[in-house]
Amino acid sequence: INAECMGKRLSSRLKKKMVKCPRATLRKIIKRNHAKAKLTKAVDIMVFLDYVIFLKRLAKQCRQEAQSQKQKTIQAHDVKAIMPKLLKQFARRRVLETSQEDD
């Protein structure tokens, strides 16, 4: 089996598992909150990807927190403990990215 076939198999598996981005809804929300901003074609996809990345990081850190407390499941107090730290990290990363784009 060559690499090209493996890539096709992997991508078809990922496509089946991926959740589709509600593009129209996202665009409406962004326009409602930032009415004067001009939006590129892919802005809704980028917002959705940031959202997915944030949720994956949240789940990973909450799992680590639960494991450190010797629990098998993630509970609400794990999420509450991690959320402020993760929001600060994520916001700081976004600010750094936007300042680099302006340069």
N, C-alpha and C. Protein backbone atom coordinates (compact mmCIF):
# COMPACT_ATOMS: atom_id res chain seq x y z
N ILE A 1 0.87 -1.19 0.00
CA ILE A 1 0.00 0.00 0.00
C ILE A 1 0.90 1.23 0.00
N ASN A 2 0.67 2.11 -0.95
CA ASN A 2 1.51 3.31 -1.01
C ASN A 2 0.92 4.43 -0.16
N ALA A 3 1.70 5.49 -0.01
CA ALA A 3 1.30 6.61 0.86
C ALA A 3 0.05 7.31 0.35
N GLU A 4 -0.11 7.36 -0.97
CA GLU A 4 -1.28 8.05 -1.54
C GLU A 4 -2.57 7.35 -1.14
N CYS A 5 -2.56 6.00 -1.21
CA CYS A 5 -3.75 5.24 -0.80
C CYS A 5 -4.03 5.43 0.68
N MET A 6 -2.99 5.44 1.49
CA MET A 6 -3.17 5.65 2.92
C MET A 6 -3.78 7.01 3.21
N GLY A 7 -3.32 8.02 2.47
CA GLY A 7 -3.86 9.37 2.63
C GLY A 7 -5.34 9.43 2.29
N LYS A 8 -5.72 8.75 1.22
CA LYS A 8 -7.13 8.74 0.81
C LYS A 8 -8.00 8.04 1.85
N ARG A 9 -7.49 6.91 2.36
CA ARG A 9 -8.25 6.20 3.40
C ARG A 9 -8.41 7.04 4.65
N LEU A 10 -7.32 7.66 5.06
CA LEU A 10 -7.35 8.48 6.26
C LEU A 10 -8.30 9.66 6.09
N SER A 11 -8.21 10.33 4.94
CA SER A 11 -9.06 11.50 4.74
C SER A 11 -10.53 11.11 4.67
N SER A 12 -10.85 9.96 4.09
CA SER A 12 -12.26 9.55 4.04
C SER A 12 -12.77 9.21 5.43
N ARG A 13 -11.92 8.63 6.27
CA ARG A 13 -12.33 8.34 7.64
C ARG A 13 -12.56 9.63 8.43
N LEU A 14 -11.67 10.60 8.22
CA LEU A 14 -11.81 11.86 8.93
C LEU A 14 -13.06 12.61 8.47
N LYS A 15 -13.35 12.56 7.19
CA LYS A 15 -14.54 13.25 6.68
C LYS A 15 -15.81 12.71 7.30
N LYS A 16 -15.86 11.40 7.53
CA LYS A 16 -17.04 10.78 8.13
C LYS A 16 -17.23 11.24 9.57
N LYS A 17 -16.11 11.47 10.29
CA LYS A 17 -16.19 11.81 11.71
C LYS A 17 -16.31 13.31 11.96
N MET A 18 -15.93 14.13 10.99
CA MET A 18 -15.89 15.57 11.22
C MET A 18 -17.29 16.18 11.23
N VAL A 19 -17.47 17.15 12.08
CA VAL A 19 -18.71 17.89 12.14
C VAL A 19 -18.60 19.04 11.16
N LYS A 20 -19.67 19.25 10.39
CA LYS A 20 -19.63 20.33 9.42
C LYS A 20 -19.83 21.67 10.12
N CYS A 21 -19.15 22.65 9.62
CA CYS A 21 -19.21 24.00 10.16
C CYS A 21 -20.51 24.67 9.71
N PRO A 22 -21.31 25.19 10.62
CA PRO A 22 -22.53 25.91 10.24
C PRO A 22 -22.17 27.30 9.72
N ARG A 23 -21.72 27.39 8.49
CA ARG A 23 -21.12 28.60 7.94
C ARG A 23 -22.06 29.79 7.96
N ALA A 24 -23.29 29.60 7.53
CA ALA A 24 -24.22 30.73 7.46
C ALA A 24 -24.50 31.29 8.86
N THR A 25 -24.68 30.40 9.82
CA THR A 25 -24.94 30.83 11.19
C THR A 25 -23.75 31.59 11.75
N LEU A 26 -22.55 31.07 11.53
CA LEU A 26 -21.36 31.75 12.02
C LEU A 26 -21.20 33.13 11.40
N ARG A 27 -21.43 33.23 10.11
CA ARG A 27 -21.31 34.53 9.44
C ARG A 27 -22.31 35.53 10.01
N LYS A 28 -23.53 35.09 10.29
CA LYS A 28 -24.54 35.97 10.87
C LYS A 28 -24.12 36.47 12.25
N ILE A 29 -23.58 35.56 13.05
CA ILE A 29 -23.15 35.93 14.40
C ILE A 29 -22.00 36.93 14.33
N ILE A 30 -21.03 36.66 13.45
CA ILE A 30 -19.88 37.56 13.32
C ILE A 30 -20.33 38.92 12.83
N LYS A 31 -21.22 38.96 11.84
CA LYS A 31 -21.70 40.24 11.31
C LYS A 31 -22.51 41.00 12.35
N ARG A 32 -23.27 40.29 13.16
CA ARG A 32 -24.08 40.95 14.18
C ARG A 32 -23.18 41.62 15.23
N ASN A 33 -22.08 40.94 15.60
CA ASN A 33 -21.19 41.48 16.62
C ASN A 33 -20.16 42.46 16.08
N HIS A 34 -19.84 42.38 14.82
CA HIS A 34 -18.86 43.26 14.19
C HIS A 34 -19.43 43.77 12.88
N ALA A 35 -20.41 44.63 12.97
CA ALA A 35 -21.17 45.07 11.81
C ALA A 35 -20.31 45.83 10.80
N LYS A 36 -19.36 46.60 11.25
CA LYS A 36 -18.57 47.43 10.34
C LYS A 36 -17.39 46.69 9.72
N ALA A 37 -17.07 45.53 10.22
CA ALA A 37 -15.91 44.79 9.73
C ALA A 37 -16.23 44.12 8.39
N LYS A 38 -15.26 44.16 7.49
CA LYS A 38 -15.38 43.44 6.23
C LYS A 38 -14.87 42.03 6.45
N LEU A 39 -15.64 41.06 5.98
CA LEU A 39 -15.30 39.67 6.22
C LEU A 39 -14.78 39.01 4.94
N THR A 40 -13.70 38.26 5.07
CA THR A 40 -13.21 37.50 3.93
C THR A 40 -14.05 36.24 3.79
N LYS A 41 -13.80 35.51 2.72
CA LYS A 41 -14.60 34.32 2.46
C LYS A 41 -14.42 33.24 3.52
N ALA A 42 -13.22 33.13 4.05
CA ALA A 42 -12.91 32.02 4.95
C ALA A 42 -12.95 32.38 6.43
N VAL A 43 -13.44 33.55 6.77
CA VAL A 43 -13.41 33.96 8.18
C VAL A 43 -14.25 33.04 9.06
N ASP A 44 -15.37 32.57 8.56
CA ASP A 44 -16.21 31.68 9.35
C ASP A 44 -15.51 30.34 9.61
N ILE A 45 -14.77 29.86 8.65
CA ILE A 45 -14.04 28.62 8.82
C ILE A 45 -12.94 28.79 9.87
N MET A 46 -12.25 29.92 9.83
CA MET A 46 -11.19 30.17 10.80
C MET A 46 -11.76 30.27 12.22
N VAL A 47 -12.90 30.91 12.36
CA VAL A 47 -13.54 31.01 13.68
C VAL A 47 -13.92 29.62 14.18
N PHE A 48 -14.48 28.81 13.29
CA PHE A 48 -14.86 27.46 13.66
C PHE A 48 -13.65 26.63 14.07
N LEU A 49 -12.55 26.75 13.33
CA LEU A 49 -11.33 26.01 13.66
C LEU A 49 -10.77 26.45 15.01
N ASP A 50 -10.80 27.74 15.28
CA ASP A 50 -10.35 28.22 16.60
C ASP A 50 -11.22 27.63 17.71
N TYR A 51 -12.50 27.55 17.46
CA TYR A 51 -13.45 26.98 18.42
C TYR A 51 -13.12 25.50 18.68
N VAL A 52 -12.87 24.75 17.61
CA VAL A 52 -12.56 23.33 17.75
C VAL A 52 -11.24 23.14 18.50
N ILE A 53 -10.24 23.94 18.16
CA ILE A 53 -8.95 23.86 18.85
C ILE A 53 -9.11 24.16 20.34
N PHE A 54 -9.90 25.17 20.64
CA PHE A 54 -10.15 25.53 22.05
C PHE A 54 -10.81 24.36 22.79
N LEU A 55 -11.82 23.76 22.18
CA LEU A 55 -12.50 22.65 22.85
C LEU A 55 -11.59 21.45 23.05
N LYS A 56 -10.73 21.18 22.07
CA LYS A 56 -9.79 20.06 22.22
C LYS A 56 -8.81 20.32 23.36
N ARG A 57 -8.30 21.54 23.43
CA ARG A 57 -7.38 21.88 24.53
C ARG A 57 -8.08 21.80 25.87
N LEU A 58 -9.32 22.28 25.92
CA LEU A 58 -10.09 22.22 27.16
C LEU A 58 -10.29 20.78 27.59
N ALA A 59 -10.67 19.92 26.67
CA ALA A 59 -10.90 18.51 27.01
C ALA A 59 -9.60 17.86 27.49
N LYS A 60 -8.50 18.14 26.82
CA LYS A 60 -7.22 17.54 27.19
C LYS A 60 -6.78 17.98 28.58
N GLN A 61 -6.87 19.29 28.85
CA GLN A 61 -6.44 19.78 30.15
C GLN A 61 -7.38 19.33 31.27
N CYS A 62 -8.66 19.25 30.98
CA CYS A 62 -9.61 18.76 31.98
C CYS A 62 -9.36 17.28 32.28
N ARG A 63 -9.03 16.52 31.25
CA ARG A 63 -8.71 15.11 31.46
C ARG A 63 -7.47 14.97 32.34
N GLN A 64 -6.46 15.80 32.08
CA GLN A 64 -5.25 15.77 32.91
C GLN A 64 -5.56 16.16 34.35
N GLU A 65 -6.41 17.16 34.51
CA GLU A 65 -6.81 17.59 35.86
C GLU A 65 -7.54 16.47 36.59
N ALA A 66 -8.45 15.80 35.90
CA ALA A 66 -9.19 14.70 36.52
C ALA A 66 -8.25 13.56 36.88
N GLN A 67 -7.31 13.25 36.00
CA GLN A 67 -6.37 12.16 36.28
C GLN A 67 -5.46 12.51 37.45
N SER A 68 -5.09 13.79 37.57
CA SER A 68 -4.23 14.18 38.70
C SER A 68 -4.97 14.03 40.03
N GLN A 69 -6.29 14.11 39.98
CA GLN A 69 -7.10 13.91 41.19
C GLN A 69 -7.59 12.47 41.31
N LYS A 70 -7.05 11.60 40.46
CA LYS A 70 -7.36 10.17 40.44
C LYS A 70 -8.84 9.89 40.21
N GLN A 71 -9.41 10.65 39.28
CA GLN A 71 -10.79 10.43 38.87
C GLN A 71 -10.79 9.84 37.47
N LYS A 72 -11.84 9.11 37.14
CA LYS A 72 -11.93 8.52 35.82
C LYS A 72 -12.75 9.37 34.85
N THR A 73 -13.54 10.27 35.38
CA THR A 73 -14.38 11.11 34.51
C THR A 73 -14.11 12.58 34.79
N ILE A 74 -14.37 13.38 33.77
CA ILE A 74 -14.24 14.84 33.90
C ILE A 74 -15.53 15.35 34.54
N GLN A 75 -15.38 16.17 35.58
CA GLN A 75 -16.54 16.73 36.25
C GLN A 75 -16.55 18.24 36.09
N ALA A 76 -17.64 18.86 36.48
CA ALA A 76 -17.82 20.30 36.29
C ALA A 76 -16.73 21.10 37.00
N HIS A 77 -16.31 20.67 38.18
CA HIS A 77 -15.29 21.44 38.90
C HIS A 77 -13.94 21.39 38.19
N ASP A 78 -13.68 20.33 37.41
CA ASP A 78 -12.45 20.28 36.61
C ASP A 78 -12.48 21.34 35.52
N VAL A 79 -13.62 21.47 34.87
CA VAL A 79 -13.77 22.47 33.80
C VAL A 79 -13.69 23.88 34.38
N LYS A 80 -14.32 24.10 35.51
CA LYS A 80 -14.30 25.42 36.15
C LYS A 80 -12.88 25.81 36.59
N ALA A 81 -12.10 24.83 36.97
CA ALA A 81 -10.72 25.12 37.39
C ALA A 81 -9.83 25.46 36.20
N ILE A 82 -10.06 24.83 35.08
CA ILE A 82 -9.20 25.00 33.91
C ILE A 82 -9.63 26.18 33.04
N MET A 83 -10.90 26.47 32.97
CA MET A 83 -11.44 27.46 32.02
C MET A 83 -10.77 28.83 32.10
N PRO A 84 -10.61 29.47 33.26
CA PRO A 84 -10.00 30.80 33.27
C PRO A 84 -8.57 30.82 32.74
N LYS A 85 -7.78 29.81 33.11
CA LYS A 85 -6.39 29.74 32.64
C LYS A 85 -6.34 29.55 31.12
N LEU A 86 -7.18 28.66 30.62
CA LEU A 86 -7.17 28.38 29.19
C LEU A 86 -7.68 29.57 28.38
N LEU A 87 -8.69 30.26 28.88
CA LEU A 87 -9.18 31.45 28.18
C LEU A 87 -8.10 32.52 28.09
N LYS A 88 -7.34 32.71 29.16
CA LYS A 88 -6.25 33.68 29.13
C LYS A 88 -5.18 33.28 28.12
N GLN A 89 -4.81 32.01 28.11
CA GLN A 89 -3.81 31.52 27.16
C GLN A 89 -4.29 31.70 25.73
N PHE A 90 -5.53 31.35 25.49
CA PHE A 90 -6.08 31.42 24.13
C PHE A 90 -6.19 32.86 23.67
N ALA A 91 -6.65 33.75 24.54
CA ALA A 91 -6.77 35.17 24.17
C ALA A 91 -5.39 35.78 23.92
N ARG A 92 -4.41 35.43 24.73
CA ARG A 92 -3.06 35.95 24.56
C ARG A 92 -2.47 35.48 23.22
N ARG A 93 -2.73 34.23 22.86
CA ARG A 93 -2.24 33.69 21.60
C ARG A 93 -2.87 34.42 20.42
N ARG A 94 -4.15 34.69 20.51
CA ARG A 94 -4.84 35.39 19.43
C ARG A 94 -4.33 36.83 19.29
N VAL A 95 -4.05 37.49 20.40
CA VAL A 95 -3.53 38.86 20.35
C VAL A 95 -2.16 38.88 19.69
N LEU A 96 -1.32 37.90 20.03
CA LEU A 96 0.01 37.81 19.43
C LEU A 96 -0.07 37.55 17.93
N GLU A 97 -1.00 36.70 17.52
CA GLU A 97 -1.15 36.41 16.10
C GLU A 97 -1.60 37.64 15.32
N THR A 98 -2.56 38.37 15.88
CA THR A 98 -3.07 39.54 15.17
C THR A 98 -2.02 40.66 15.12
N SER A 99 -1.19 40.79 16.15
CA SER A 99 -0.15 41.81 16.12
C SER A 99 0.93 41.46 15.11
N GLN A 100 1.20 40.19 14.89
CA GLN A 100 2.17 39.76 13.88
C GLN A 100 1.63 40.00 12.48
N GLU A 101 0.32 39.84 12.29
CA GLU A 101 -0.28 40.07 10.98
C GLU A 101 -0.22 41.56 10.60
N ASP A 102 -0.32 42.44 11.58
CA ASP A 102 -0.30 43.88 11.32
C ASP A 102 1.07 44.36 10.88
N ASP A 103 2.14 43.65 11.29
CA ASP A 103 3.51 44.07 10.96
C ASP A 103 3.82 43.93 9.51
